[in-house]
Amino acid sequence: MALEMEIKFPEADLAALRTALQALGATGGVPYLECNRVYDTPGRDLRAANTLLRLRTKTGPNLHAAVLTMKKPPDVSHPPVPTDVKVWDEVQTGVADADAMHLMLTSLGYGVAFGYDKVREVWHLHGVHVCLDTMPFGPVAELEGDREAILAVAHRLGLDRARASTTTYHDLNRQWRAARGLPPSEDFTFDAAGLADARRVVFGRGDDGAGPASAE
């Protein structure tokens, strides 16, 4: 497995970051719609082991892809890992047929524990993936790469390390709901209006470019 290091900045100003990234010569930045399903056993054994099993689909202009990912805490055989960035042991692989993979996982006894959506732009700057994410609960900037490179890029983008978070999107969603007195829910998927807005951002229209958005 490979170590993944990341840090998040909730409530980030994505428009300002986009401008800064362009000024610094970053590449990428094409938005796409990302839909995630997280799998677990009926007893939530993977959650108890702090392990994530996720099937992700990505949809955008000229993009239709799926990825299966497993994340878990770093193995004890690794050298000490930093605490100011989130560190995972991660393995992932592309999936040709997301529906077939879903059937395989459910046949093995896993079920969908929850789902979450986002519109994501991935920018590349000095070896760091800078992800500008529009979530149902608000904007988040996520930086992925080596620790020193992450912190250097965060500084160049004017991101305040005091506002950085090493928590997961799932925890950010729970915190957001709790702060607003909303009932607990692990799902954070777009509603019909949010999905229509997401498709307009990604495709410039309501859906994949074929016409206006459908209400789902």
Protein backbone atom coordinates (compact mmCIF):
# COMPACT_ATOMS: atom_id res chain seq x y z
CA MET A 1 0.00 0.00 0.00
CA ALA A 2 1.01 3.62 -0.54
CA LEU A 3 0.87 6.31 2.11
CA GLU A 4 -1.55 9.11 1.32
CA MET A 5 -1.07 12.44 3.10
CA GLU A 6 -3.69 15.14 3.00
CA ILE A 7 -4.98 18.22 4.79
CA LYS A 8 -8.33 19.99 4.46
CA PHE A 9 -9.41 23.62 4.76
CA PRO A 10 -13.17 23.79 5.41
CA GLU A 11 -15.15 26.84 4.29
CA ALA A 12 -12.38 27.78 1.87
CA ASP A 13 -12.86 30.57 -0.67
CA LEU A 14 -12.72 28.42 -3.79
CA ALA A 15 -12.94 31.34 -6.22
CA ALA A 16 -9.94 33.05 -4.60
CA LEU A 17 -7.99 29.78 -4.58
CA ARG A 18 -8.80 29.22 -8.24
CA THR A 19 -7.44 32.66 -9.09
CA ALA A 20 -4.30 32.05 -7.02
CA LEU A 21 -3.71 28.66 -8.62
CA GLN A 22 -3.98 30.14 -12.11
CA ALA A 23 -1.56 32.93 -11.18
CA LEU A 24 0.95 30.36 -9.86
CA GLY A 25 0.80 28.35 -13.08
CA ALA A 26 -1.11 25.36 -11.73
CA THR A 27 -2.55 22.94 -14.26
CA GLY A 28 -5.85 21.07 -14.35
CA GLY A 29 -8.95 22.49 -12.75
CA VAL A 30 -11.68 20.92 -14.90
CA PRO A 31 -14.71 20.26 -12.65
CA TYR A 32 -16.44 16.90 -12.50
CA LEU A 33 -19.23 15.30 -10.49
CA GLU A 34 -18.12 12.69 -7.99
CA CYS A 35 -20.50 10.19 -6.37
CA ASN A 36 -19.24 7.88 -3.63
CA ARG A 37 -20.65 4.77 -1.99
CA VAL A 38 -19.02 3.52 1.21
CA TYR A 39 -19.41 -0.19 1.97
CA ASP A 40 -19.37 -2.08 5.23
CA THR A 41 -20.67 -5.24 6.86
CA PRO A 42 -24.08 -5.21 8.61
CA GLY A 43 -22.21 -4.96 11.94
CA ARG A 44 -20.04 -2.08 10.66
CA ASP A 45 -16.85 -4.08 11.13
CA LEU A 46 -14.83 -1.89 8.73
CA ARG A 47 -15.82 1.26 10.57
CA ALA A 48 -14.76 -0.33 13.88
CA ALA A 49 -11.37 -1.05 12.29
CA ASN A 50 -11.13 2.54 10.92
CA THR A 51 -11.09 1.11 7.41
CA LEU A 52 -12.81 2.67 4.40
CA LEU A 53 -14.03 0.65 1.41
CA ARG A 54 -15.34 3.03 -1.25
CA LEU A 55 -16.62 2.84 -4.80
CA ARG A 56 -16.36 6.22 -6.54
CA THR A 57 -17.73 7.31 -9.90
CA LYS A 58 -16.53 10.41 -11.75
CA THR A 59 -18.64 12.06 -14.43
CA GLY A 60 -17.81 15.06 -16.56
CA PRO A 61 -17.29 16.21 -20.14
CA ASN A 62 -15.48 13.31 -21.81
CA LEU A 63 -15.13 11.63 -18.40
CA HIS A 64 -16.83 8.53 -17.05
CA ALA A 65 -14.71 6.51 -14.66
CA ALA A 66 -14.96 4.45 -11.48
CA VAL A 67 -12.40 3.66 -8.78
CA LEU A 68 -12.45 1.19 -5.90
CA THR A 69 -10.44 2.35 -2.88
CA MET A 70 -9.52 0.92 0.50
CA LYS A 71 -7.99 3.12 3.20
CA LYS A 72 -6.82 2.22 6.67
CA PRO A 73 -4.44 3.64 9.31
CA PRO A 74 -0.73 3.28 8.51
CA ASP A 75 0.92 -0.02 9.39
CA VAL A 76 3.03 0.02 12.54
CA SER A 77 6.05 -0.98 10.44
CA HIS A 78 6.08 2.47 8.83
CA PRO A 79 8.34 5.18 10.30
CA PRO A 80 6.59 7.67 12.59
CA VAL A 81 4.06 9.67 10.59
CA PRO A 82 3.30 13.37 11.01
CA THR A 83 0.25 14.43 12.99
CA ASP A 84 -0.40 17.76 11.26
CA VAL A 85 -1.58 16.03 8.09
CA LYS A 86 -3.96 13.11 7.66
CA VAL A 87 -2.12 9.90 6.76
CA TRP A 88 -3.68 6.74 5.32
CA ASP A 89 -2.46 3.46 3.90
CA GLU A 90 -4.31 3.44 0.59
CA VAL A 91 -4.76 1.02 -2.29
CA GLN A 92 -7.03 1.70 -5.23
CA THR A 93 -7.77 0.40 -8.69
CA GLY A 94 -9.81 1.48 -11.66
CA VAL A 95 -13.12 -0.29 -12.24
CA ALA A 96 -14.55 -0.88 -15.70
CA ASP A 97 -18.15 -1.47 -14.55
CA ALA A 98 -19.28 0.19 -11.31
CA ASP A 99 -22.60 -1.68 -11.25
CA ALA A 100 -20.83 -5.02 -11.58
CA MET A 101 -18.43 -4.10 -8.78
CA HIS A 102 -21.39 -3.11 -6.59
CA LEU A 103 -22.93 -6.53 -7.23
CA MET A 104 -19.66 -8.25 -6.34
CA LEU A 105 -19.33 -6.34 -3.08
CA THR A 106 -22.91 -6.98 -2.03
CA SER A 107 -22.55 -10.65 -2.95
CA LEU A 108 -19.59 -10.81 -0.57
CA GLY A 109 -21.75 -9.53 2.27
CA TYR A 110 -21.00 -5.81 2.10
CA GLY A 111 -23.72 -3.19 1.86
CA VAL A 112 -23.79 0.54 1.19
CA ALA A 113 -23.37 2.17 4.60
CA PHE A 114 -23.70 5.72 3.27
CA GLY A 115 -23.03 7.89 0.25
CA TYR A 116 -21.64 11.34 -0.44
CA ASP A 117 -21.32 13.65 -3.43
CA LYS A 118 -19.13 16.53 -4.46
CA VAL A 119 -18.14 18.66 -7.41
CA ARG A 120 -14.36 18.47 -7.57
CA GLU A 121 -11.67 20.38 -9.42
CA VAL A 122 -8.17 18.89 -9.20
CA TRP A 123 -5.30 21.31 -9.73
CA HIS A 124 -1.63 20.30 -9.83
CA LEU A 125 1.03 22.55 -8.33
CA HIS A 126 4.59 21.59 -7.29
CA GLY A 127 3.73 17.91 -6.85
CA VAL A 128 0.59 18.61 -4.82
CA HIS A 129 -2.99 17.81 -5.83
CA VAL A 130 -5.10 20.79 -4.81
CA CYS A 131 -8.74 19.68 -4.80
CA LEU A 132 -11.42 22.36 -4.74
CA ASP A 133 -14.52 20.57 -3.51
CA THR A 134 -18.08 21.81 -3.42
CA MET A 135 -19.87 19.59 -0.91
CA PRO A 136 -23.54 19.55 0.14
CA PHE A 137 -22.37 21.12 3.43
CA GLY A 138 -20.11 23.75 1.85
CA PRO A 139 -16.75 24.37 0.16
CA VAL A 140 -13.57 22.53 1.17
CA ALA A 141 -10.03 22.70 -0.20
CA GLU A 142 -8.05 19.48 0.16
CA LEU A 143 -4.31 19.23 -0.50
CA GLU A 144 -2.69 15.86 -1.16
CA GLY A 145 1.00 15.03 -1.53
CA ASP A 146 4.15 14.90 0.58
CA ARG A 147 3.88 16.75 3.89
CA GLU A 148 6.49 19.42 3.18
CA ALA A 149 5.09 20.08 -0.29
CA ILE A 150 1.53 20.30 1.07
CA LEU A 151 2.52 22.86 3.69
CA ALA A 152 4.57 24.88 1.18
CA VAL A 153 1.72 25.02 -1.33
CA ALA A 154 -0.79 25.89 1.40
CA HIS A 155 1.45 28.81 2.36
CA ARG A 156 1.76 30.01 -1.24
CA LEU A 157 -2.02 29.89 -1.61
CA GLY A 158 -2.49 31.95 1.52
CA LEU A 159 -4.26 29.20 3.43
CA ASP A 160 -4.21 29.64 7.20
CA ARG A 161 -2.76 26.54 8.88
CA ALA A 162 -4.69 27.43 12.02
CA ARG A 163 -7.87 26.62 10.06
CA ALA A 164 -6.55 23.34 8.67
CA SER A 165 -8.24 20.06 9.52
CA THR A 166 -7.04 16.46 9.46
CA THR A 167 -10.54 15.05 9.94
CA THR A 168 -12.54 13.18 7.29
CA TYR A 169 -15.33 14.56 5.15
CA HIS A 170 -17.70 12.35 7.13
CA ASP A 171 -16.67 14.04 10.37
CA LEU A 172 -16.93 17.48 8.78
CA ASN A 173 -20.48 16.63 7.73
CA ARG A 174 -21.37 15.49 11.25
CA GLN A 175 -19.90 18.69 12.73
CA TRP A 176 -21.80 20.83 10.22
CA ARG A 177 -25.11 19.12 11.01
CA ALA A 178 -24.56 19.31 14.76
CA ALA A 179 -23.72 23.04 14.58
CA ARG A 180 -27.05 23.68 12.86
CA GLY A 181 -29.16 21.47 15.10
CA LEU A 182 -29.83 18.99 12.29
CA PRO A 183 -30.46 15.32 13.05
CA PRO A 184 -27.44 13.02 12.59
CA SER A 185 -27.01 11.50 9.15
CA GLU A 186 -24.00 9.85 7.56
CA ASP A 187 -25.19 10.61 4.04
CA PHE A 188 -24.27 13.91 2.44
CA THR A 189 -25.53 13.64 -1.11
CA PHE A 190 -26.92 16.43 -3.29
CA ASP A 191 -30.68 16.90 -3.25
CA ALA A 192 -32.47 17.48 -6.58
CA ALA A 193 -31.68 21.21 -6.63
CA GLY A 194 -28.08 20.65 -5.57
CA LEU A 195 -27.60 17.97 -8.19
CA ALA A 196 -28.99 20.25 -10.89
CA ASP A 197 -26.59 23.01 -9.79
CA ALA A 198 -23.70 20.53 -9.79
CA ARG A 199 -24.49 19.43 -13.33
CA ARG A 200 -24.67 23.01 -14.52
CA VAL A 201 -21.21 23.65 -13.08
CA VAL A 202 -19.78 20.49 -14.64
CA PHE A 203 -21.54 20.41 -18.00
CA GLY A 204 -22.74 23.97 -18.45
CA ARG A 205 -26.28 22.61 -18.56
CA GLY A 206 -28.55 20.64 -16.32
CA ASP A 207 -27.10 17.17 -17.02
CA ASP A 208 -24.51 15.53 -19.24
CA GLY A 209 -25.06 18.07 -21.98
CA ALA A 210 -28.13 16.45 -23.52
CA GLY A 211 -30.68 18.83 -22.03
CA PRO A 212 -32.12 20.29 -18.85
CA ALA A 213 -31.68 18.64 -15.49
CA SER A 214 -34.00 15.89 -14.36
CA ALA A 215 -35.32 15.88 -10.80
CA GLU A 216 -33.82 12.92 -8.97
